[in-house]
Amino acid sequence: MNEKKMNLISNVIKYGLIGLGVLLCLMIISGPNVEAGTETVEKFRDGFKLSAAVNFTGLVLFIATAAIVIFFGLLLATNFKKAIKSMIWIVAFFFLYLILRMIGTGDTSDTLNLKNAVADATVDGTHAGLMTCIIGLILALIAILAGPFLGRFRK
């Protein structure tokens, strides 16, 4: 199969998934709000619109996870040195998460005014996960902004 056909097929799949995701988001947005009543909200929750959106999201996450694992396996088989560098960052962020989880947070279900109380370990784990993601996003932003400057110094 030539490159033009592959690009066309890739674009059709990409825009099809984007269109379906936008359509499902619009279906959720058009759903009832909390003030519509318990019966209406429960009917929406158990209906097609919400279940289709949740199933689509799960499918996209499953496909993305499978693609990451497959491409990492291919990278491991073809370019072992780069794969090890990637693995080092994954392990580093795992340890960062564990350290943040051990440090914990001062928040509890009571201080967060949660409607349904949860264990303090759940609050600590969620806080550690959010902080790990925020640190990762900040590092990615720094890498994006510093990339052009570092490229000039290497030449």
N, C-alpha and C. Protein backbone atom coordinates (compact mmCIF):
# COMPACT_ATOMS: atom_id res chain seq x y z
N MET A 1 0.86 -1.17 0.00
CA MET A 1 0.00 0.00 0.00
C MET A 1 0.90 1.23 0.00
N ASN A 2 0.60 2.18 -0.88
CA ASN A 2 1.47 3.35 -0.96
C ASN A 2 1.17 4.35 0.15
N GLU A 3 2.04 5.34 0.25
CA GLU A 3 1.97 6.30 1.35
C GLU A 3 0.73 7.18 1.27
N LYS A 4 0.30 7.55 0.06
CA LYS A 4 -0.88 8.40 -0.08
C LYS A 4 -2.13 7.70 0.45
N LYS A 5 -2.28 6.42 0.14
CA LYS A 5 -3.45 5.67 0.62
C LYS A 5 -3.42 5.54 2.14
N MET A 6 -2.23 5.29 2.69
CA MET A 6 -2.12 5.16 4.15
C MET A 6 -2.48 6.47 4.84
N ASN A 7 -2.02 7.60 4.28
CA ASN A 7 -2.37 8.89 4.87
C ASN A 7 -3.86 9.16 4.77
N LEU A 8 -4.47 8.79 3.64
CA LEU A 8 -5.91 8.98 3.48
C LEU A 8 -6.69 8.14 4.48
N ILE A 9 -6.32 6.88 4.60
CA ILE A 9 -7.01 5.99 5.54
C ILE A 9 -6.81 6.49 6.98
N SER A 10 -5.59 6.92 7.30
CA SER A 10 -5.30 7.45 8.63
C SER A 10 -6.15 8.68 8.94
N ASN A 11 -6.25 9.59 7.97
CA ASN A 11 -7.05 10.80 8.18
C ASN A 11 -8.53 10.49 8.31
N VAL A 12 -9.04 9.55 7.52
CA VAL A 12 -10.45 9.17 7.63
C VAL A 12 -10.75 8.60 9.01
N ILE A 13 -9.88 7.71 9.50
CA ILE A 13 -10.08 7.13 10.83
C ILE A 13 -9.98 8.22 11.90
N LYS A 14 -8.97 9.07 11.78
CA LYS A 14 -8.76 10.13 12.77
C LYS A 14 -9.95 11.07 12.85
N TYR A 15 -10.39 11.58 11.69
CA TYR A 15 -11.51 12.52 11.70
C TYR A 15 -12.83 11.84 12.04
N GLY A 16 -12.95 10.57 11.71
CA GLY A 16 -14.16 9.82 12.08
C GLY A 16 -14.27 9.68 13.59
N LEU A 17 -13.15 9.32 14.24
CA LEU A 17 -13.16 9.20 15.70
C LEU A 17 -13.39 10.55 16.37
N ILE A 18 -12.78 11.60 15.82
CA ILE A 18 -12.99 12.94 16.38
C ILE A 18 -14.45 13.34 16.25
N GLY A 19 -15.03 13.12 15.07
CA GLY A 19 -16.45 13.47 14.85
C GLY A 19 -17.37 12.70 15.77
N LEU A 20 -17.10 11.39 15.93
CA LEU A 20 -17.93 10.59 16.83
C LEU A 20 -17.80 11.06 18.27
N GLY A 21 -16.57 11.40 18.68
CA GLY A 21 -16.36 11.90 20.04
C GLY A 21 -17.08 13.22 20.28
N VAL A 22 -17.01 14.12 19.31
CA VAL A 22 -17.71 15.41 19.44
C VAL A 22 -19.22 15.19 19.50
N LEU A 23 -19.74 14.30 18.65
CA LEU A 23 -21.18 14.01 18.66
C LEU A 23 -21.62 13.45 20.01
N LEU A 24 -20.84 12.52 20.55
CA LEU A 24 -21.20 11.95 21.86
C LEU A 24 -21.09 12.99 22.97
N CYS A 25 -20.11 13.89 22.88
CA CYS A 25 -20.01 14.98 23.87
C CYS A 25 -21.23 15.88 23.80
N LEU A 26 -21.66 16.19 22.60
CA LEU A 26 -22.86 17.02 22.45
C LEU A 26 -24.10 16.32 23.00
N MET A 27 -24.15 14.99 22.85
CA MET A 27 -25.28 14.25 23.40
C MET A 27 -25.28 14.32 24.93
N ILE A 28 -24.10 14.29 25.54
CA ILE A 28 -24.02 14.39 27.00
C ILE A 28 -24.37 15.80 27.45
N ILE A 29 -23.83 16.79 26.74
CA ILE A 29 -24.10 18.18 27.11
C ILE A 29 -25.58 18.50 27.01
N SER A 30 -26.26 17.89 26.05
CA SER A 30 -27.68 18.16 25.89
C SER A 30 -28.55 17.41 26.91
N GLY A 31 -27.92 16.62 27.76
CA GLY A 31 -28.66 15.87 28.77
C GLY A 31 -29.19 16.77 29.87
N PRO A 32 -29.95 16.20 30.77
CA PRO A 32 -30.56 17.00 31.84
C PRO A 32 -29.53 17.45 32.86
N ASN A 33 -29.83 18.57 33.51
CA ASN A 33 -28.97 19.00 34.60
C ASN A 33 -29.54 18.46 35.92
N VAL A 34 -28.88 18.72 37.01
CA VAL A 34 -29.26 18.16 38.30
C VAL A 34 -30.64 18.66 38.74
N GLU A 35 -30.99 19.87 38.34
CA GLU A 35 -32.27 20.45 38.76
C GLU A 35 -33.46 19.84 38.04
N ALA A 36 -33.22 18.96 37.05
CA ALA A 36 -34.32 18.35 36.30
C ALA A 36 -35.06 17.30 37.13
N GLY A 37 -34.48 16.86 38.20
CA GLY A 37 -35.12 15.87 39.06
C GLY A 37 -34.38 14.56 39.04
N THR A 38 -34.53 13.83 40.11
CA THR A 38 -33.81 12.58 40.27
C THR A 38 -34.22 11.55 39.22
N GLU A 39 -35.49 11.49 38.93
CA GLU A 39 -36.00 10.50 37.97
C GLU A 39 -35.42 10.74 36.57
N THR A 40 -35.38 11.97 36.16
CA THR A 40 -34.86 12.31 34.83
C THR A 40 -33.36 12.04 34.74
N VAL A 41 -32.65 12.39 35.80
CA VAL A 41 -31.20 12.17 35.81
C VAL A 41 -30.89 10.68 35.78
N GLU A 42 -31.62 9.87 36.55
CA GLU A 42 -31.40 8.43 36.55
C GLU A 42 -31.74 7.82 35.21
N LYS A 43 -32.79 8.32 34.56
CA LYS A 43 -33.15 7.82 33.23
C LYS A 43 -32.03 8.13 32.23
N PHE A 44 -31.46 9.34 32.32
CA PHE A 44 -30.35 9.72 31.44
C PHE A 44 -29.12 8.87 31.74
N ARG A 45 -28.85 8.65 33.03
CA ARG A 45 -27.68 7.87 33.44
C ARG A 45 -27.75 6.44 32.91
N ASP A 46 -28.93 5.87 32.90
CA ASP A 46 -29.09 4.50 32.45
C ASP A 46 -29.40 4.41 30.95
N GLY A 47 -29.47 5.53 30.27
CA GLY A 47 -29.86 5.55 28.86
C GLY A 47 -28.70 5.36 27.90
N PHE A 48 -29.03 5.48 26.61
CA PHE A 48 -28.08 5.24 25.54
C PHE A 48 -26.99 6.30 25.46
N LYS A 49 -27.36 7.56 25.64
CA LYS A 49 -26.40 8.66 25.41
C LYS A 49 -25.17 8.53 26.30
N LEU A 50 -25.39 8.39 27.58
CA LEU A 50 -24.28 8.32 28.51
C LEU A 50 -23.50 7.03 28.35
N SER A 51 -24.19 5.91 28.18
CA SER A 51 -23.47 4.63 28.04
C SER A 51 -22.66 4.60 26.75
N ALA A 52 -23.17 5.19 25.68
CA ALA A 52 -22.41 5.24 24.42
C ALA A 52 -21.15 6.07 24.60
N ALA A 53 -21.26 7.19 25.26
CA ALA A 53 -20.08 8.05 25.48
C ALA A 53 -19.05 7.35 26.37
N VAL A 54 -19.51 6.70 27.42
CA VAL A 54 -18.59 6.00 28.32
C VAL A 54 -17.92 4.83 27.59
N ASN A 55 -18.69 4.07 26.84
CA ASN A 55 -18.12 2.94 26.08
C ASN A 55 -17.12 3.43 25.03
N PHE A 56 -17.44 4.52 24.35
CA PHE A 56 -16.53 5.08 23.35
C PHE A 56 -15.23 5.53 24.01
N THR A 57 -15.33 6.20 25.15
CA THR A 57 -14.15 6.64 25.87
C THR A 57 -13.30 5.45 26.30
N GLY A 58 -13.94 4.42 26.82
CA GLY A 58 -13.21 3.21 27.21
C GLY A 58 -12.52 2.56 26.02
N LEU A 59 -13.20 2.51 24.88
CA LEU A 59 -12.61 1.92 23.68
C LEU A 59 -11.40 2.72 23.21
N VAL A 60 -11.52 4.04 23.19
CA VAL A 60 -10.40 4.88 22.77
C VAL A 60 -9.21 4.72 23.72
N LEU A 61 -9.47 4.67 25.03
CA LEU A 61 -8.40 4.48 25.99
C LEU A 61 -7.74 3.11 25.83
N PHE A 62 -8.54 2.08 25.57
CA PHE A 62 -8.00 0.74 25.35
C PHE A 62 -7.13 0.70 24.11
N ILE A 63 -7.60 1.30 23.01
CA ILE A 63 -6.82 1.31 21.76
C ILE A 63 -5.52 2.11 21.95
N ALA A 64 -5.61 3.24 22.65
CA ALA A 64 -4.41 4.05 22.89
C ALA A 64 -3.40 3.29 23.75
N THR A 65 -3.88 2.61 24.78
CA THR A 65 -2.98 1.83 25.64
C THR A 65 -2.35 0.69 24.86
N ALA A 66 -3.15 0.01 24.03
CA ALA A 66 -2.61 -1.09 23.22
C ALA A 66 -1.57 -0.56 22.24
N ALA A 67 -1.83 0.60 21.63
CA ALA A 67 -0.86 1.18 20.69
C ALA A 67 0.44 1.54 21.40
N ILE A 68 0.33 2.10 22.60
CA ILE A 68 1.54 2.45 23.35
C ILE A 68 2.35 1.20 23.67
N VAL A 69 1.71 0.15 24.11
CA VAL A 69 2.42 -1.09 24.45
C VAL A 69 3.05 -1.70 23.20
N ILE A 70 2.30 -1.72 22.09
CA ILE A 70 2.82 -2.30 20.85
C ILE A 70 4.02 -1.51 20.35
N PHE A 71 3.90 -0.18 20.30
CA PHE A 71 5.00 0.62 19.79
C PHE A 71 6.20 0.59 20.74
N PHE A 72 5.96 0.49 22.03
CA PHE A 72 7.08 0.36 22.96
C PHE A 72 7.77 -0.97 22.75
N GLY A 73 7.01 -2.03 22.51
CA GLY A 73 7.61 -3.33 22.21
C GLY A 73 8.43 -3.29 20.93
N LEU A 74 7.91 -2.61 19.90
CA LEU A 74 8.68 -2.47 18.66
C LEU A 74 9.95 -1.65 18.90
N LEU A 75 9.84 -0.59 19.69
CA LEU A 75 11.01 0.22 20.01
C LEU A 75 12.03 -0.61 20.79
N LEU A 76 11.54 -1.42 21.69
CA LEU A 76 12.43 -2.28 22.47
C LEU A 76 13.17 -3.26 21.57
N ALA A 77 12.47 -3.78 20.56
CA ALA A 77 13.08 -4.75 19.66
C ALA A 77 14.03 -4.09 18.65
N THR A 78 13.72 -2.86 18.22
CA THR A 78 14.51 -2.24 17.17
C THR A 78 15.57 -1.28 17.69
N ASN A 79 15.28 -0.57 18.76
CA ASN A 79 16.23 0.43 19.27
C ASN A 79 16.24 0.33 20.80
N PHE A 80 16.99 -0.63 21.29
CA PHE A 80 16.98 -0.96 22.71
C PHE A 80 17.43 0.22 23.58
N LYS A 81 18.43 0.99 23.11
CA LYS A 81 18.98 2.08 23.90
C LYS A 81 17.93 3.17 24.15
N LYS A 82 17.16 3.54 23.12
CA LYS A 82 16.10 4.54 23.29
C LYS A 82 14.99 4.03 24.20
N ALA A 83 14.68 2.74 24.08
CA ALA A 83 13.63 2.16 24.91
C ALA A 83 14.01 2.19 26.38
N ILE A 84 15.28 1.96 26.67
CA ILE A 84 15.73 2.00 28.06
C ILE A 84 15.63 3.42 28.60
N LYS A 85 15.97 4.43 27.77
CA LYS A 85 15.83 5.83 28.20
C LYS A 85 14.37 6.15 28.52
N SER A 86 13.46 5.65 27.70
CA SER A 86 12.04 5.87 27.97
C SER A 86 11.62 5.18 29.25
N MET A 87 12.12 3.99 29.46
CA MET A 87 11.76 3.23 30.66
C MET A 87 12.29 3.91 31.92
N ILE A 88 13.44 4.55 31.83
CA ILE A 88 13.99 5.25 32.99
C ILE A 88 13.04 6.37 33.42
N TRP A 89 12.49 7.11 32.46
CA TRP A 89 11.55 8.19 32.81
C TRP A 89 10.26 7.64 33.41
N ILE A 90 9.80 6.51 32.90
CA ILE A 90 8.58 5.89 33.45
C ILE A 90 8.82 5.49 34.91
N VAL A 91 9.96 4.86 35.17
CA VAL A 91 10.30 4.44 36.53
C VAL A 91 10.48 5.67 37.43
N ALA A 92 11.11 6.73 36.90
CA ALA A 92 11.31 7.94 37.70
C ALA A 92 9.97 8.54 38.12
N PHE A 93 9.01 8.61 37.19
CA PHE A 93 7.70 9.16 37.55
C PHE A 93 6.93 8.23 38.48
N PHE A 94 7.16 6.93 38.38
CA PHE A 94 6.54 5.99 39.31
C PHE A 94 7.04 6.25 40.73
N PHE A 95 8.37 6.44 40.87
CA PHE A 95 8.93 6.73 42.19
C PHE A 95 8.48 8.10 42.69
N LEU A 96 8.35 9.07 41.79
CA LEU A 96 7.82 10.38 42.18
C LEU A 96 6.41 10.24 42.74
N TYR A 97 5.58 9.42 42.07
CA TYR A 97 4.22 9.17 42.57
C TYR A 97 4.26 8.53 43.95
N LEU A 98 5.13 7.53 44.13
CA LEU A 98 5.21 6.86 45.43
C LEU A 98 5.66 7.82 46.52
N ILE A 99 6.64 8.68 46.21
CA ILE A 99 7.11 9.65 47.20
C ILE A 99 6.00 10.62 47.56
N LEU A 100 5.29 11.13 46.55
CA LEU A 100 4.19 12.05 46.82
C LEU A 100 3.06 11.37 47.59
N ARG A 101 2.87 10.11 47.32
CA ARG A 101 1.82 9.38 48.05
C ARG A 101 2.22 9.18 49.51
N MET A 102 3.50 8.92 49.75
CA MET A 102 3.96 8.76 51.14
C MET A 102 3.89 10.09 51.89
N ILE A 103 4.21 11.19 51.21
CA ILE A 103 4.11 12.50 51.85
C ILE A 103 2.67 12.80 52.21
N GLY A 104 1.76 12.46 51.32
CA GLY A 104 0.34 12.65 51.59
C GLY A 104 -0.10 14.09 51.43
N THR A 105 -1.28 14.36 51.91
CA THR A 105 -1.83 15.71 51.85
C THR A 105 -2.58 15.98 53.14
N GLY A 106 -2.80 17.24 53.42
CA GLY A 106 -3.53 17.61 54.62
C GLY A 106 -5.03 17.50 54.44
N ASP A 107 -5.47 17.25 53.22
CA ASP A 107 -6.91 17.17 52.95
C ASP A 107 -7.49 15.83 53.39
N THR A 108 -8.73 15.88 53.81
CA THR A 108 -9.51 14.68 54.13
C THR A 108 -10.87 14.84 53.47
N SER A 109 -11.70 13.83 53.61
CA SER A 109 -13.06 13.93 53.07
C SER A 109 -13.81 15.10 53.70
N ASP A 110 -13.55 15.33 54.97
CA ASP A 110 -14.24 16.43 55.67
C ASP A 110 -13.79 17.80 55.15
N THR A 111 -12.47 17.99 55.00
CA THR A 111 -11.99 19.29 54.56
C THR A 111 -12.35 19.57 53.10
N LEU A 112 -12.54 18.52 52.31
CA LEU A 112 -12.92 18.70 50.91
C LEU A 112 -14.44 18.83 50.73
N ASN A 113 -15.18 18.63 51.82
CA ASN A 113 -16.65 18.68 51.80
C ASN A 113 -17.24 17.74 50.74
N LEU A 114 -16.75 16.50 50.73
CA LEU A 114 -17.25 15.52 49.78
C LEU A 114 -18.63 15.04 50.19
N LYS A 115 -19.47 14.85 49.19
CA LYS A 115 -20.83 14.37 49.47
C LYS A 115 -20.78 12.95 50.02
N ASN A 116 -19.95 12.10 49.41
CA ASN A 116 -19.77 10.72 49.86
C ASN A 116 -18.35 10.60 50.39
N ALA A 117 -18.21 10.28 51.65
CA ALA A 117 -16.89 10.21 52.27
C ALA A 117 -16.06 9.08 51.66
N VAL A 118 -14.76 9.34 51.54
CA VAL A 118 -13.83 8.33 51.04
C VAL A 118 -12.69 8.20 52.05
N ALA A 119 -11.93 7.13 51.92
CA ALA A 119 -10.80 6.91 52.83
C ALA A 119 -9.71 7.95 52.57
N ASP A 120 -8.95 8.24 53.60
CA ASP A 120 -7.85 9.19 53.46
C ASP A 120 -6.81 8.71 52.46
N ALA A 121 -6.64 7.39 52.35
CA ALA A 121 -5.69 6.83 51.38
C ALA A 121 -6.12 7.16 49.95
N THR A 122 -7.42 7.20 49.70
CA THR A 122 -7.93 7.56 48.38
C THR A 122 -7.62 9.01 48.07
N VAL A 123 -7.79 9.88 49.04
CA VAL A 123 -7.48 11.31 48.86
C VAL A 123 -5.98 11.47 48.61
N ASP A 124 -5.14 10.76 49.39
CA ASP A 124 -3.69 10.84 49.20
C ASP A 124 -3.27 10.34 47.83
N GLY A 125 -3.85 9.21 47.40
CA GLY A 125 -3.52 8.66 46.09
C GLY A 125 -3.93 9.56 44.94
N THR A 126 -5.11 10.15 45.06
CA THR A 126 -5.59 11.07 44.04
C THR A 126 -4.72 12.32 43.99
N HIS A 127 -4.38 12.84 45.15
CA HIS A 127 -3.51 14.03 45.22
C HIS A 127 -2.15 13.73 44.62
N ALA A 128 -1.57 12.58 44.94
CA ALA A 128 -0.26 12.21 44.41
C ALA A 128 -0.32 12.04 42.89
N GLY A 129 -1.39 11.44 42.39
CA GLY A 129 -1.54 11.27 40.94
C GLY A 129 -1.68 12.60 40.22
N LEU A 130 -2.48 13.50 40.79
CA LEU A 130 -2.63 14.83 40.18
C LEU A 130 -1.32 15.61 40.20
N MET A 131 -0.61 15.55 41.31
CA MET A 131 0.66 16.27 41.40
C MET A 131 1.69 15.69 40.43
N THR A 132 1.71 14.37 40.26
CA THR A 132 2.62 13.74 39.31
C THR A 132 2.30 14.20 37.89
N CYS A 133 1.01 14.25 37.55
CA CYS A 133 0.61 14.71 36.23
C CYS A 133 0.97 16.18 36.01
N ILE A 134 0.76 17.01 37.02
CA ILE A 134 1.09 18.43 36.90
C ILE A 134 2.59 18.62 36.72
N ILE A 135 3.39 17.89 37.48
CA ILE A 135 4.85 17.98 37.34
C ILE A 135 5.27 17.52 35.95
N GLY A 136 4.67 16.43 35.47
CA GLY A 136 4.97 15.95 34.12
C GLY A 136 4.60 16.97 33.04
N LEU A 137 3.45 17.62 33.19
CA LEU A 137 3.04 18.64 32.22
C LEU A 137 3.98 19.85 32.25
N ILE A 138 4.40 20.25 33.44
CA ILE A 138 5.33 21.38 33.56
C ILE A 138 6.67 21.03 32.90
N LEU A 139 7.18 19.82 33.14
CA LEU A 139 8.42 19.40 32.51
C LEU A 139 8.29 19.33 31.00
N ALA A 140 7.13 18.85 30.52
CA ALA A 140 6.91 18.80 29.07
C ALA A 140 6.86 20.20 28.47
N LEU A 141 6.22 21.12 29.17
CA LEU A 141 6.15 22.50 28.69
C LEU A 141 7.55 23.13 28.66
N ILE A 142 8.35 22.87 29.68
CA ILE A 142 9.72 23.38 29.70
C ILE A 142 10.52 22.79 28.54
N ALA A 143 10.34 21.49 28.27
CA ALA A 143 11.05 20.85 27.16
C ALA A 143 10.63 21.44 25.82
N ILE A 144 9.32 21.73 25.67
CA ILE A 144 8.83 22.32 24.42
C ILE A 144 9.40 23.72 24.24
N LEU A 145 9.40 24.50 25.31
CA LEU A 145 9.89 25.88 25.20
C LEU A 145 11.41 25.95 25.08
N ALA A 146 12.13 25.07 25.74
CA ALA A 146 13.59 25.10 25.71
C ALA A 146 14.17 24.35 24.52
N GLY A 147 13.39 23.51 23.86
CA GLY A 147 13.88 22.70 22.75
C GLY A 147 14.56 23.49 21.64
N PRO A 148 13.93 24.54 21.13
CA PRO A 148 14.58 25.31 20.05
C PRO A 148 15.90 25.95 20.49
N PHE A 149 15.97 26.41 21.74
CA PHE A 149 17.20 27.04 22.23
C PHE A 149 18.31 26.02 22.41
N LEU A 150 17.96 24.84 22.95
CA LEU A 150 18.97 23.81 23.13
C LEU A 150 19.46 23.27 21.80
N GLY A 151 18.60 23.24 20.80
CA GLY A 151 19.01 22.80 19.47
C GLY A 151 20.06 23.70 18.86
N ARG A 152 19.97 24.98 19.12
CA ARG A 152 20.97 25.93 18.60
C ARG A 152 22.32 25.77 19.30
N PHE A 153 22.31 25.41 20.59
CA PHE A 153 23.57 25.23 21.31
C PHE A 153 24.29 23.96 20.88
N ARG A 154 23.56 22.95 20.44
CA ARG A 154 24.18 21.68 20.06
C ARG A 154 24.91 21.78 18.72
N LYS A 155 24.49 22.70 17.87
CA LYS A 155 25.08 22.81 16.53
C LYS A 155 26.41 23.51 16.53
